[in-house]
Each structure stands twice: as structure tokens, then as C-alpha cells.
Protein backbone atom coordinates (compact mmCIF):
# COMPACT_ATOMS: atom_id res chain seq x y z
CA UNK A 1 -0.05 18.30 12.43
CA UNK A 2 0.49 20.48 9.36
CA UNK A 3 4.24 19.73 9.32
CA UNK A 4 3.46 16.02 8.97
CA UNK A 5 1.26 16.77 6.01
CA UNK A 6 3.24 19.57 4.27
CA UNK A 7 6.88 18.41 4.33
CA UNK A 8 8.29 20.75 1.69
CA UNK A 9 9.16 23.93 3.54
CA UNK A 10 9.33 26.12 0.44
CA UNK A 11 5.70 25.31 -0.39
CA UNK A 12 4.31 26.62 2.83
CA UNK A 13 4.31 30.17 1.35
CA UNK A 14 1.72 29.00 -1.14
CA UNK A 15 -0.94 28.28 1.50
CA UNK A 16 -3.97 30.42 0.78
CA UNK A 17 -7.76 30.51 1.06
CA UNK A 18 -10.08 28.75 -1.33
CA UNK A 19 -11.20 32.13 -2.51
CA UNK A 20 -7.68 33.20 -3.37
CA UNK A 21 -7.05 29.92 -5.14
CA UNK A 22 -10.22 30.26 -7.22
CA UNK A 23 -8.79 33.49 -8.69
CA UNK A 24 -6.21 31.33 -10.54
CA UNK A 25 -9.04 29.99 -12.75
CA UNK A 26 -9.90 31.89 -15.88
CA UNK A 27 -12.90 31.83 -18.24
CA UNK A 28 -12.54 29.11 -20.97
CA UNK A 29 -10.15 26.93 -19.01
CA UNK A 30 -10.35 23.16 -18.60
CA UNK A 31 -10.23 21.94 -15.03
CA UNK A 32 -9.23 18.49 -14.05
CA UNK A 33 -10.78 17.58 -10.63
CA UNK A 34 -9.58 14.74 -8.52
CA UNK A 35 -12.10 12.23 -7.21
CA UNK A 36 -13.98 9.10 -8.13
CA UNK A 37 -17.50 8.14 -7.09
CA UNK A 38 -17.31 10.49 -4.97
CA UNK A 39 -14.18 9.92 -2.91
CA UNK A 40 -11.00 11.98 -2.85
CA UNK A 41 -12.64 14.76 -4.70
CA UNK A 42 -11.94 18.48 -4.67
CA UNK A 43 -14.44 19.92 -2.19
CA UNK A 44 -13.87 23.66 -1.55
CA UNK A 45 -12.11 25.42 -4.45
CA UNK A 46 -14.91 24.65 -6.96
CA UNK A 47 -17.45 26.08 -4.58
CA UNK A 48 -15.35 29.16 -4.05
CA UNK A 49 -15.23 29.58 -7.86
CA UNK A 50 -19.04 29.45 -7.98
CA UNK A 51 -19.27 32.22 -5.42
CA UNK A 52 -16.68 34.29 -7.27
CA UNK A 53 -18.54 34.04 -10.52
CA UNK A 54 -21.83 34.93 -8.87
CA UNK A 55 -20.24 38.06 -7.38
CA UNK A 56 -18.56 39.10 -10.56
CA UNK A 57 -21.75 38.58 -12.61
CA UNK A 58 -19.99 38.09 -15.96
CA UNK A 59 -20.25 35.16 -18.34
CA UNK A 60 -17.87 32.40 -17.28
CA UNK A 61 -17.51 28.80 -18.61
CA UNK A 62 -15.13 26.01 -17.86
CA UNK A 63 -14.82 22.37 -18.83
CA UNK A 64 -15.00 19.97 -15.89
CA UNK A 65 -13.10 16.75 -16.29
CA UNK A 66 -13.04 14.27 -13.42
CA UNK A 67 -12.35 10.59 -12.74
CA UNK A 68 -16.01 9.70 -12.32
CA UNK A 69 -18.83 11.22 -10.17
CA UNK A 70 -17.87 13.83 -7.49
CA UNK A 71 -19.59 15.40 -4.51
CA UNK A 72 -23.14 15.98 -5.65
CA UNK A 73 -23.20 19.48 -4.06
CA UNK A 74 -20.21 20.49 -6.18
CA UNK A 75 -21.69 19.16 -9.48
CA UNK A 76 -25.08 20.72 -8.76
CA UNK A 77 -23.76 24.13 -7.86
CA UNK A 78 -21.32 24.29 -10.80
CA UNK A 79 -24.00 23.36 -13.28
CA UNK A 80 -26.82 25.45 -11.80
CA UNK A 81 -24.52 28.48 -11.78
CA UNK A 82 -24.04 27.99 -15.57
CA UNK A 83 -20.29 27.53 -15.20
CA UNK A 84 -20.05 24.22 -16.98
CA UNK A 85 -19.45 24.04 -20.72
CA UNK A 86 -18.38 20.35 -21.03
CA UNK A 87 -18.58 17.65 -18.37
CA UNK A 88 -16.92 14.20 -18.71
CA UNK A 89 -16.54 11.25 -18.30
CA UNK A 90 -19.25 10.27 -15.73
CA UNK A 91 -21.62 11.88 -13.18
CA UNK A 92 -24.41 10.68 -10.88
CA UNK A 93 -25.83 13.95 -9.60
CA UNK A 94 -29.49 14.90 -10.00
CA UNK A 95 -28.70 18.61 -10.59
CA UNK A 96 -26.06 17.94 -13.12
CA UNK A 97 -28.31 15.33 -14.73
CA UNK A 98 -31.10 17.90 -15.08
CA UNK A 99 -28.81 20.43 -16.67
CA UNK A 100 -27.21 18.07 -19.16
CA UNK A 101 -30.60 16.53 -20.16
CA UNK A 102 -31.92 20.01 -20.76
CA UNK A 103 -28.98 20.81 -23.01
CA UNK A 104 -27.51 23.42 -20.70
CA UNK A 105 -24.36 21.33 -20.16
CA UNK A 106 -22.53 19.44 -22.88
CA UNK A 107 -21.78 15.99 -21.61
CA UNK A 108 -19.48 13.38 -23.08
CA UNK A 109 -20.30 9.98 -21.82
CA UNK A 110 -17.04 8.11 -21.98
CA UNK A 111 -15.50 4.78 -21.08
CA UNK A 112 -13.54 5.47 -17.96
CA UNK A 113 -10.35 4.02 -19.31
CA UNK A 114 -10.41 6.34 -22.31
CA UNK A 115 -10.19 9.82 -20.71
CA UNK A 116 -6.43 9.67 -20.04
CA UNK A 117 -5.80 8.30 -23.55
CA UNK A 118 -7.89 11.06 -25.21
CA UNK A 119 -5.96 13.67 -23.23
CA UNK A 120 -2.65 12.09 -24.05
CA UNK A 121 -3.33 11.99 -27.76
CA UNK A 122 -4.72 15.60 -27.88
CA UNK A 123 -8.24 14.54 -28.76
CA UNK A 124 -9.60 16.58 -25.79
CA UNK A 125 -8.76 20.12 -24.67
CA UNK A 126 -5.66 19.94 -22.47
CA UNK A 127 -6.16 20.37 -18.72
CA UNK A 128 -5.17 23.86 -17.66
CA UNK A 129 -5.68 23.56 -13.92
CA UNK A 130 -5.69 20.45 -11.80
CA UNK A 131 -7.51 20.68 -8.43
CA UNK A 132 -6.33 17.80 -6.42
CA UNK A 133 -7.17 16.55 -2.88
CA UNK A 134 -4.13 15.06 -1.05
CA UNK A 135 -3.37 13.81 2.47
CA UNK A 136 0.27 15.00 2.24
CA UNK A 137 2.96 16.71 0.10
CA UNK A 138 6.35 15.10 0.35
CA UNK A 139 9.73 16.65 0.90
CA UNK A 140 10.23 16.48 -2.85
CA UNK A 141 6.91 18.28 -3.52
CA UNK A 142 5.09 15.18 -4.75
CA UNK A 143 1.44 14.40 -4.00
CA UNK A 144 0.13 11.77 -1.70
CA UNK A 145 -3.47 11.20 -2.81
CA UNK A 146 -6.43 10.46 -0.55
CA UNK A 147 -9.27 8.01 -1.00
CA UNK A 148 -9.19 7.94 -4.83
CA UNK A 149 -6.75 8.08 -7.67
CA UNK A 150 -9.03 8.43 -10.71
CA UNK A 151 -7.54 10.54 -13.51
CA UNK A 152 -5.42 12.67 -11.13
CA UNK A 153 -2.05 11.52 -12.46
CA UNK A 154 -2.78 12.59 -16.06
CA UNK A 155 -4.46 15.87 -14.85
CA UNK A 156 -1.44 16.82 -12.75
CA UNK A 157 0.98 15.78 -15.49
CA UNK A 158 -0.75 17.89 -18.12
CA UNK A 159 -1.80 21.02 -16.12
CA UNK A 160 0.34 24.11 -15.95
CA UNK A 161 -1.20 24.96 -12.60
CA UNK A 162 -1.99 22.65 -9.73
CA UNK A 163 -4.22 23.72 -6.81
CA UNK A 164 -3.81 21.41 -3.87
CA UNK A 165 -6.56 20.82 -1.33
CA UNK A 166 -4.66 19.42 1.64
CA UNK A 167 -7.44 17.61 3.55
CA UNK A 168 -6.74 17.01 7.21
CA UNK A 169 -9.94 14.96 7.55
CA UNK A 170 -8.42 12.19 5.38
CA UNK A 171 -6.25 9.91 7.49
CA UNK A 172 -2.54 10.07 6.90
CA UNK A 173 -2.44 6.24 7.03
CA UNK A 174 -3.69 6.27 3.42
CA UNK A 175 -0.15 7.04 2.44
CA UNK A 176 1.41 4.03 0.82
CA UNK A 177 -1.88 2.49 -0.51
CA UNK A 178 -1.45 4.03 -3.95
CA UNK A 179 0.32 2.53 -6.93
CA UNK A 180 0.77 5.24 -9.54
CA UNK A 181 1.80 4.04 -12.95
CA UNK A 182 1.30 5.94 -16.20
CA UNK A 183 1.64 4.24 -19.59
CA UNK A 184 3.89 5.89 -22.28
CA UNK A 185 2.25 7.41 -25.38
CA UNK A 186 0.88 5.15 -28.07
CA UNK A 187 3.59 3.79 -30.31
CA UNK A 188 6.19 3.97 -27.48
CA UNK A 189 4.43 1.81 -24.91
CA UNK A 190 5.64 -1.33 -23.20
CA UNK A 191 3.14 -3.93 -21.95
CA UNK A 192 1.85 -3.01 -18.54
CA UNK A 193 3.75 -5.33 -16.20
CA UNK A 194 0.83 -6.33 -14.01
CA UNK A 195 -0.02 -10.06 -13.72
CA UNK A 196 -1.88 -10.28 -10.42
CA UNK A 197 -4.32 -7.86 -8.65
CA UNK A 198 -1.81 -7.26 -5.83
CA UNK A 199 1.17 -6.39 -7.97
CA UNK A 200 2.73 -3.04 -7.46
CA UNK A 201 4.33 -1.59 -10.53
CA UNK A 202 4.57 2.18 -9.84
CA UNK A 203 5.13 4.75 -7.06
CA UNK A 204 3.13 5.61 -3.99
CA UNK A 205 3.00 9.33 -4.97
CA UNK A 206 2.06 11.43 -8.00
CA UNK A 207 5.46 12.83 -9.03
CA UNK A 208 5.24 16.43 -10.29
CA UNK A 209 7.35 19.55 -10.66
CA UNK A 210 6.54 21.32 -7.36
CA UNK A 211 6.73 24.66 -9.19
CA UNK A 212 3.37 23.80 -10.78
CA UNK A 213 1.74 24.02 -7.32
CA UNK A 214 0.43 27.57 -7.25
CA UNK A 215 -1.92 27.26 -4.29
CA UNK A 216 -2.38 24.99 -1.27
CA UNK A 217 -5.79 25.18 0.44
CA UNK A 218 -5.94 23.44 3.88
CA UNK A 219 -9.31 21.75 4.41
CA UNK A 220 -10.94 19.45 6.96
CA UNK A 221 -13.81 17.84 5.16
CA UNK A 222 -14.58 14.09 4.97
CA UNK A 223 -15.74 12.53 1.75
CA UNK A 224 -19.52 13.06 1.11
CA UNK A 225 -20.62 9.56 0.24
CA UNK A 226 -24.13 8.12 -0.01
CA UNK A 227 -25.82 5.31 1.96
CA UNK A 228 -25.93 1.98 0.16
CA UNK A 229 -29.47 0.60 -0.22
CA UNK A 230 -29.59 -2.62 1.71
CA UNK A 231 -30.02 -5.87 -0.13
CA UNK A 232 -33.67 -6.66 -0.69
CA UNK A 233 -35.36 -9.89 -1.67
CA UNK A 234 -34.80 -9.28 -5.36
CA UNK A 235 -31.12 -8.44 -5.17
CA UNK A 236 -30.52 -11.28 -2.80
CA UNK A 237 -32.15 -13.61 -5.29
CA UNK A 238 -30.09 -12.17 -8.10
CA UNK A 239 -26.93 -12.76 -6.07
CA UNK A 240 -27.93 -16.38 -5.43
CA UNK A 241 -28.69 -16.91 -9.17
CA UNK A 242 -25.31 -15.58 -10.08
CA UNK A 243 -23.42 -17.55 -7.38
CA UNK A 244 -25.22 -20.79 -8.29
CA UNK A 245 -24.02 -20.27 -11.90
CA UNK A 246 -20.43 -19.77 -10.69
CA UNK A 247 -20.70 -23.04 -8.75
CA UNK A 248 -21.70 -24.76 -11.92
CA UNK A 249 -18.69 -23.26 -13.75
CA UNK A 250 -16.43 -24.64 -11.03
CA UNK A 251 -18.07 -28.06 -11.31
CA UNK A 252 -17.54 -27.96 -15.11
CA UNK A 253 -13.90 -27.15 -14.62
CA UNK A 254 -14.15 -23.68 -16.27
CA UNK A 255 -13.26 -21.91 -13.05
CA UNK A 256 -11.13 -22.77 -10.04
CA UNK A 257 -12.39 -22.92 -6.49
CA UNK A 258 -11.22 -19.32 -5.90
CA UNK A 259 -12.94 -18.27 -9.06
CA UNK A 260 -11.12 -15.48 -10.92
CA UNK A 261 -10.59 -11.86 -9.99
CA UNK A 262 -13.85 -10.07 -9.52
CA UNK A 263 -15.01 -6.71 -10.79
CA UNK A 264 -18.07 -5.10 -9.54
CA UNK A 265 -19.73 -1.94 -10.82
CA UNK A 266 -20.77 1.13 -8.86
CA UNK A 267 -24.00 1.31 -6.82
CA UNK A 268 -26.28 -0.50 -4.53
CA UNK A 269 -27.28 -3.39 -6.80
CA UNK A 270 -23.63 -4.41 -7.51
CA UNK A 271 -22.78 -4.03 -3.84
CA UNK A 272 -25.70 -6.17 -2.81
CA UNK A 273 -24.67 -8.84 -5.28
CA UNK A 274 -21.17 -8.84 -3.86
CA UNK A 275 -22.68 -9.38 -0.39
CA UNK A 276 -24.01 -12.67 -1.76
CA UNK A 277 -20.55 -14.17 -1.47
CA UNK A 278 -20.61 -13.88 2.33
CA UNK A 279 -22.54 -17.07 2.89
CA UNK A 280 -20.77 -19.20 0.36
CA UNK A 281 -17.94 -21.70 0.30
CA UNK A 282 -15.72 -19.43 -1.85
CA UNK A 283 -12.54 -18.08 -0.25
CA UNK A 284 -9.23 -16.64 -1.33
CA UNK A 285 -11.13 -14.28 -3.65
CA UNK A 286 -9.36 -11.43 -5.39
CA UNK A 287 -10.87 -8.17 -6.59
CA UNK A 288 -9.66 -6.03 -9.54
CA UNK A 289 -12.21 -3.31 -9.87
CA UNK A 290 -12.92 0.42 -9.95
CA UNK A 291 -14.66 1.22 -6.65
CA UNK A 292 -14.15 -0.77 -3.45
CA UNK A 293 -17.44 -0.52 -1.61
CA UNK A 294 -18.75 -1.70 1.69
CA UNK A 295 -19.10 -5.37 0.64
CA UNK A 296 -15.42 -5.68 -0.15
CA UNK A 297 -14.50 -4.87 3.47
CA UNK A 298 -17.23 -7.11 4.81
CA UNK A 299 -15.81 -9.93 2.70
CA UNK A 300 -12.25 -9.12 3.92
CA UNK A 301 -13.45 -9.27 7.54
CA UNK A 302 -15.01 -12.61 6.79
CA UNK A 303 -11.83 -14.03 5.36
CA UNK A 304 -13.28 -14.26 1.86
CA UNK A 305 -11.20 -11.68 0.01
CA UNK A 306 -7.37 -11.87 0.15
CA UNK A 307 -6.59 -8.89 -2.14
CA UNK A 308 -8.44 -5.97 -3.58
CA UNK A 309 -7.22 -3.54 -6.23
CA UNK A 310 -9.30 -0.53 -7.04
CA UNK A 311 -9.44 3.10 -8.01
CA UNK A 312 -11.19 4.48 -5.00
CA UNK A 313 -12.52 3.68 -1.59
CA UNK A 314 -16.19 4.52 -1.94
CA UNK A 315 -17.65 3.65 1.52
CA UNK A 316 -20.98 4.46 2.93
CA UNK A 317 -21.27 6.82 5.98
CA UNK A 318 -22.30 3.78 8.11
CA UNK A 319 -19.09 1.92 7.25
CA UNK A 320 -16.65 4.78 6.67
CA UNK A 321 -15.33 5.37 10.20
CA UNK A 322 -14.94 1.65 10.88
CA UNK A 323 -12.85 1.16 7.77
CA UNK A 324 -10.70 4.26 8.17
CA UNK A 325 -9.99 3.66 11.83
CA UNK A 326 -8.88 0.14 11.12
CA UNK A 327 -7.09 0.74 7.82
CA UNK A 328 -3.89 -0.84 9.19
CA UNK A 329 -5.52 -4.30 9.09
CA UNK A 330 -6.53 -3.88 5.42
CA UNK A 331 -3.51 -2.00 3.96
CA UNK A 332 -1.52 -5.05 2.98
CA UNK A 333 -4.55 -6.26 1.02
CA UNK A 334 -5.41 -3.06 -0.74
CA UNK A 335 -4.06 -1.15 -3.77
CA UNK A 336 -5.46 2.04 -5.29
CA UNK A 337 -4.49 2.76 -8.94
CA UNK A 338 -5.21 5.30 -11.66
CA UNK A 339 -8.43 4.45 -13.53
CA UNK A 340 -6.58 3.90 -16.78
CA UNK A 341 -5.06 0.88 -14.96
CA UNK A 342 -7.98 -0.20 -12.86
CA UNK A 343 -10.16 -0.15 -15.98
CA UNK A 344 -7.55 -1.10 -18.52
CA UNK A 345 -8.82 -3.54 -21.15
CA UNK A 346 -5.38 -5.14 -21.60
CA UNK A 347 -5.23 -5.99 -17.88
CA UNK A 348 -8.93 -7.08 -17.76
CA UNK A 349 -8.16 -9.57 -20.54
CA UNK A 350 -4.88 -10.70 -19.00
CA UNK A 351 -6.30 -11.34 -15.54
CA UNK A 352 -9.36 -13.07 -16.88
CA UNK A 353 -11.84 -11.03 -14.80
CA UNK A 354 -15.38 -11.94 -13.83
CA UNK A 355 -17.21 -8.65 -14.52
CA UNK A 356 -20.50 -7.92 -12.68
CA UNK A 357 -22.29 -4.82 -13.78
CA UNK A 358 -25.82 -3.42 -13.87
CA UNK A 359 -28.21 -2.64 -16.67
CA UNK A 360 -31.24 -0.35 -17.07
CA UNK A 361 -32.79 -2.62 -19.72
CA UNK A 362 -31.81 -5.59 -21.84
CA UNK A 363 -33.44 -6.64 -25.08
CA UNK A 364 -34.38 -10.23 -26.13
CA UNK A 365 -31.11 -10.63 -28.09
CA UNK A 366 -28.77 -9.60 -25.19
CA UNK A 367 -28.07 -5.96 -26.05
CA UNK A 368 -27.78 -3.80 -22.93
CA UNK A 369 -28.76 -0.18 -22.12
CA UNK A 370 -26.94 0.96 -18.98
CA UNK A 371 -27.24 4.70 -19.35
CA UNK A 372 -30.51 6.13 -20.80
CA UNK A 373 -34.08 6.14 -19.52
CA UNK A 374 -36.51 5.67 -22.39
CA UNK A 375 -33.71 6.14 -24.85
CA UNK A 376 -33.16 9.88 -24.31
CA UNK A 377 -32.69 10.86 -20.63
CA UNK A 378 -29.19 10.28 -19.41
CA UNK A 379 -29.05 8.59 -15.94
CA UNK A 380 -25.39 8.45 -14.92
CA UNK A 381 -23.18 7.28 -17.75
CA UNK A 382 -21.51 4.14 -19.05
CA UNK A 383 -18.70 4.38 -16.55
CA UNK A 384 -16.36 1.41 -16.57
CA UNK A 385 -18.81 -1.28 -17.55
CA UNK A 386 -17.77 -1.23 -21.15
CA UNK A 387 -14.10 -1.33 -20.26
CA UNK A 388 -14.72 -4.67 -18.61
CA UNK A 389 -17.68 -6.17 -20.47
CA UNK A 390 -15.89 -6.66 -23.80
CA UNK A 391 -12.63 -7.85 -22.19
CA UNK A 392 -13.58 -9.92 -19.19
CA UNK A 393 -13.38 -13.66 -19.01
CA UNK A 394 -17.08 -13.72 -17.99
CA UNK A 395 -19.44 -10.78 -18.23
CA UNK A 396 -22.67 -10.52 -16.18
CA UNK A 397 -25.27 -7.77 -16.43
CA UNK A 398 -27.78 -7.64 -13.56
CA UNK A 399 -31.10 -5.94 -13.41
CA UNK A 400 -34.47 -6.35 -11.77
CA UNK A 401 -36.95 -7.64 -14.23
CA UNK A 402 -39.31 -4.64 -13.79
CA UNK A 403 -39.25 -1.04 -12.64
CA UNK A 404 -41.79 1.55 -11.50
CA UNK A 405 -44.04 -0.92 -9.74
CA UNK A 406 -43.95 -3.31 -12.64
CA UNK A 407 -45.06 -0.69 -15.14
CA UNK A 408 -41.75 -0.98 -17.04
CA UNK A 409 -40.27 -4.30 -18.14
CA UNK A 410 -36.47 -4.35 -17.99
CA UNK A 411 -36.56 -7.03 -20.70
CA UNK A 412 -37.79 -5.39 -23.98
CA UNK A 413 -37.92 -6.31 -27.61
CA UNK A 414 -35.19 -3.73 -28.47
CA UNK A 415 -33.18 -1.55 -26.14
CA UNK A 416 -33.95 2.13 -26.55
CA UNK A 417 -30.26 2.93 -26.29
CA UNK A 418 -27.41 0.47 -26.75
CA UNK A 419 -24.25 0.69 -24.64
CA UNK A 420 -23.15 -2.97 -24.78
CA UNK A 421 -23.91 -5.05 -27.84
CA UNK A 422 -24.89 -8.73 -27.70
CA UNK A 423 -21.24 -9.56 -28.59
CA UNK A 424 -20.01 -8.28 -25.24
CA UNK A 425 -22.66 -9.85 -22.95
CA UNK A 426 -22.28 -13.42 -21.60
CA UNK A 427 -24.92 -13.72 -18.86
CA UNK A 428 -28.09 -11.80 -17.99
CA UNK A 429 -29.24 -12.02 -14.34
CA UNK A 430 -32.60 -10.96 -12.87
CA UNK A 431 -34.52 -12.03 -9.76
CA UNK A 432 -36.48 -14.36 -12.13
CA UNK A 433 -33.46 -16.29 -13.27
CA UNK A 434 -30.41 -16.32 -15.34
CA UNK A 435 -29.71 -16.67 -19.06
CA UNK A 436 -26.26 -17.94 -20.24
CA UNK A 437 -25.89 -16.54 -23.69
CA UNK A 438 -22.54 -18.04 -24.59
CA UNK A 439 -22.54 -20.13 -27.70
CA UNK A 440 -26.15 -19.22 -28.65
CA UNK A 441 -27.54 -17.88 -31.83
CA UNK A 442 -29.82 -14.73 -31.68
CA UNK A 443 -32.94 -16.90 -31.81
CA UNK A 444 -31.67 -19.12 -29.00
CA UNK A 445 -30.73 -16.07 -26.94
CA UNK A 446 -34.21 -14.61 -27.30
CA UNK A 447 -35.87 -17.73 -25.92
CA UNK A 448 -33.40 -18.10 -23.08
CA UNK A 449 -33.80 -14.41 -21.97
CA UNK A 450 -37.60 -14.46 -22.23
CA UNK A 451 -37.90 -17.80 -20.46
CA UNK A 452 -35.40 -17.22 -17.71
CA UNK A 453 -35.18 -13.45 -17.09
CA UNK A 454 -38.44 -11.79 -17.96
CA UNK A 455 -41.17 -11.07 -15.33
CA UNK A 456 -44.20 -13.36 -15.66
CA UNK A 457 -46.43 -10.34 -16.42
CA UNK A 458 -44.42 -9.63 -19.54
CA UNK A 459 -43.50 -13.05 -20.82
CA UNK A 460 -46.67 -13.50 -22.98
CA UNK A 461 -46.04 -10.04 -24.59
CA UNK A 462 -42.45 -10.80 -25.28
CA UNK A 463 -43.28 -14.28 -26.75
CA UNK A 464 -45.99 -12.68 -28.89
CA UNK A 465 -43.57 -10.13 -30.22
CA UNK A 466 -40.91 -12.74 -30.88
CA UNK A 467 -43.37 -15.06 -32.68
CA UNK A 468 -44.52 -12.17 -34.88
CA UNK A 469 -40.91 -11.29 -35.61
CA UNK A 470 -40.21 -14.86 -36.67
CA UNK A 471 -42.84 -14.50 -39.34
CA UNK A 472 -40.72 -11.65 -40.79
CA UNK A 473 -37.62 -13.82 -40.84
CA UNK A 474 -33.97 -12.70 -40.57
CA UNK A 475 -30.98 -13.70 -38.49
CA UNK A 476 -32.13 -11.36 -35.75
CA UNK A 477 -35.89 -11.25 -36.20
CA UNK A 478 -37.70 -7.99 -35.36
CA UNK A 479 -40.97 -6.25 -36.08
CA UNK A 480 -39.31 -2.91 -36.84
CA UNK A 481 -42.43 -0.79 -36.51
CA UNK A 482 -43.09 -2.30 -33.03
CA UNK A 483 -39.55 -2.76 -31.70
CA UNK A 484 -39.71 0.41 -29.59
CA UNK A 485 -43.49 0.57 -29.19
CA UNK A 486 -43.18 -0.61 -25.62
CA UNK A 487 -41.26 2.54 -24.71
CA UNK A 488 -43.69 4.69 -26.72
CA UNK A 489 -46.56 3.10 -24.82
CA UNK A 490 -45.00 3.87 -21.45
CA UNK A 491 -44.34 7.54 -22.44
CA UNK A 492 -47.94 7.88 -23.51
CA UNK A 493 -49.79 5.72 -21.00
CA UNK A 494 -47.43 5.23 -18.12
CA UNK A 495 -47.08 1.50 -18.46
CA UNK A 496 -45.62 -1.09 -20.86
CA UNK A 497 -48.27 -3.68 -19.98
CA UNK A 498 -50.59 -4.85 -22.68
CA UNK A 499 -54.17 -3.62 -22.30
CA UNK A 500 -55.68 -6.62 -24.01
CA UNK A 501 -54.63 -10.22 -24.47
CA UNK A 502 -52.41 -10.79 -27.44
CA UNK A 503 -51.27 -7.20 -27.66
CA UNK A 504 -47.56 -6.97 -28.31
CA UNK A 505 -47.13 -3.24 -28.33
């Protein structure tokens, strides 16, 4: 079994325990961890490092760079142990979130396509040690990645030390799914030669100098993924609203019957919206996205999707075994790429993607907050939504119209934190309806969003605010002293709802 996985004989002498490998990591280093939401991530060496630091009892800090979110146990233990100085570019773990919101961890919320570029240009500390999960090491000493690519190629290229987690729980049939291509430095870069989601332009392995591999830790741990919340009435309605809109785009001749390559963000809402395509007339669909979640495989099984390109296979526990045991039937329709390609703005623009992402809140002019609760508390991060939003052919942001038992309106006078400006947002979708913002002035956008997307309980408040703002004038009318008063009211009173008729606060 191991001989099929570790094919370079000279590297067998570097097999060691996770505890021994963790001794290669020094205080002040920057670690590049494989993995993406959370698939293909390093699972045992980071935990061994936590135990080592606890036993030694001396101050110890490292920077943790990843592709996106990783195993929540790893993120929590690293941050709770006080090991993390800087974390980037994305996380989704409650423990890490608590520590970064309290200021114990520095967190750089970054567009996912930017990390490799920042490293390449020297704008970030260089990666010292790359900890990489693989399914195999080739005869040449190159790395066959597992269920995610993420930022692993740039981490492995930059690091002076590579620690390999050779995971026997990840099926060897994953070999061949990857397409590893790294752009040249700025100023010496050719156009990326990718014209279709299924194009292969690189290699199936991460090519490295095998002398950089200082430790190989043999593991047998499957990805720790989370259950996807099933589609509920609201998300099903949102999906129907979005798909009806796409039908009208086809009727108007702005889209073909197979639409355009689809991108869907991470999480249950985006996954549920994708499920909406199951009971439609659309076929021969293509996906060019970050994560490939459960719905992608359901749509493949239904004959709806003919090709899917992504950065990771982020599959729920309920679907995981079924997909992995039948990977042969999908492999000619799957490609896994580095995230600087899966999220590349140049490619998003060239392919003319339809981008479907989620929002925490949207204001009446179409600005979107996708990261912060009440303007200050980081949720997960911007992820790849910005990579796609500005560059897609058609950009959707989806959100339920209310949260916290209707005590929060997701449609507000002004977002408390802005991740995506009105210039990058085409269509807002809620369970109440849909607002097409293309070609509209700010005043027209405000009326479209309030009328079509706001919850009925909040429409009068929003209209009252907007009418008062009109009295102030301006291209984008606001009542500045009241623009964030809805959030202030919630923080103070636990609700955004007006307590008397005509109240706009």
C-alpha cells in the first residue's frame, strides 16, 4: 500500500512521526498549510505543534497562511494555544473567529486570488515551512495533492522546508484530477491559456525539488467536513427567483440555453441555490468555481452539468463516500486548480461567468457587506466573492431578507461594512424577490431594492428613510446621522424594527 503512495525510494528514510516533524518548526516562522474549505488540509502536524508548545511552555508564535478555511479543530487549537500571530486569507471557525475578534490574532481578510500574488511580490512574509497533504509522492519526488489545491503550489515553491502528510484515507484515484499551473512574476507573464472550464494547461503534480521534503508523516484521516443545511422554503424561493431571472435573460437573447459557466460561493445558501437547477430545463451546464459542493455532483448525476472546474472537493459527510467511491464516473468532468487560477479575475472576465454569492446585508443602493456582523465582528471573510463579483458577466448576491427571527433586516439604509460596492453588484436576490440593478441610477436602485427585496415588516421604514433622504438631496441621498442608526438600535435594543409608526431609526 505504502509503495503505491511513496514511489521515491530515497524519500522513505524521511518518514517520521508528527511529533518529530513538528520539531522542524521554529518560533517566528510563517507556515503555509494546504487545504481549502476544509478539504485536503494538514491534519496532524499542526496539532503536534500545539502539544509541543504546551509542553515546552515558552512563548511561540507563527503566521498561518492557508488556501481558505481548514479543519475547525486545527484552527481552534492553534489560536486558543496562542500560537497564531497572523492568519490569512480566510477562516470559518468559531474558535479562530473569537480570537481574531478579540484582537488575540491578527487577521488579514484577503481576496483569495491575491495571496499567491502578494507572496510572489514579497508583500507578505515568505513561507518558511509548507505542510502539505498528499495522496502520493511520485518517482521524481513530486507531490500528488488530495481533495484541494488551494495555495499549495506557491507555498511549496517558496518554502525551504516541506513537511508532507501522506494521507492513506484519501483515495489514490484522485491522482490525475489536478491541473497545476503557476503564472510567471508580474512583468514577465503571458496570458493564462485557458478558454474553457475543462481546459488543462498545467501538470497533474506539484513539481518540487525533493530535497526540500524534510519529513513525511503517514496519516489515515478523512477530511473533516460539515453537513450542509438542507434547502428550506426561503432558499428554495431564492433559487426560483434567480432561475426565473436567468430564463428571462435567455428569452432576451443575453444568454444561451446552456447559460454561461457558473460560479457558486461557499456554504449552505449557495449550495441550496445550486440545487434549484435540478428541476429546470437547463442542461450542458459548466461550472468554474472555487469549491465543488454536494449540489455539483447531484447535478452531474442528473445530467445537468457536463464539466466542473474548482479548487477543492468540499463534500458533506452524507455525500462524501458516495462521491469518492464513484470518482471514476466523474473524473473526466472534473478539474482541480490552484486558487489563483480558480479565482483569477482575468479568467472570470474571459469566460463570462455567472457569479452567485451570499451577503450578510445589502443597502438600498446595492452595496454589499459579506463579512462583518454589525460592522465590527468578523464572520468568515470575503473569500473569493470579490474575485468574481467585479469580473463576472453577471453577479448575483443572495441573502434572506431578515435574520434573528426578523429582528434584523438584511436590507438596510447603509451597510455597516462594505466589501462589494454598488459598482460590482448586478442583481440582489432574497426570498421576497429580485432586483436587477443594471443600468439604474442610485435613486432607481433604491426603489428597486426596497420594493422587490425587503421584508414587508421593514419596507415602510426603508421608504420613510429614503423619502427623508430625498429631502436632503444628492446623487446618492442619505440621512447621514441616521444611516447606521438601524444597527445602533439593534445593538441597544435587540431589534431593528421601529417601535412606533413613522420611525426611521
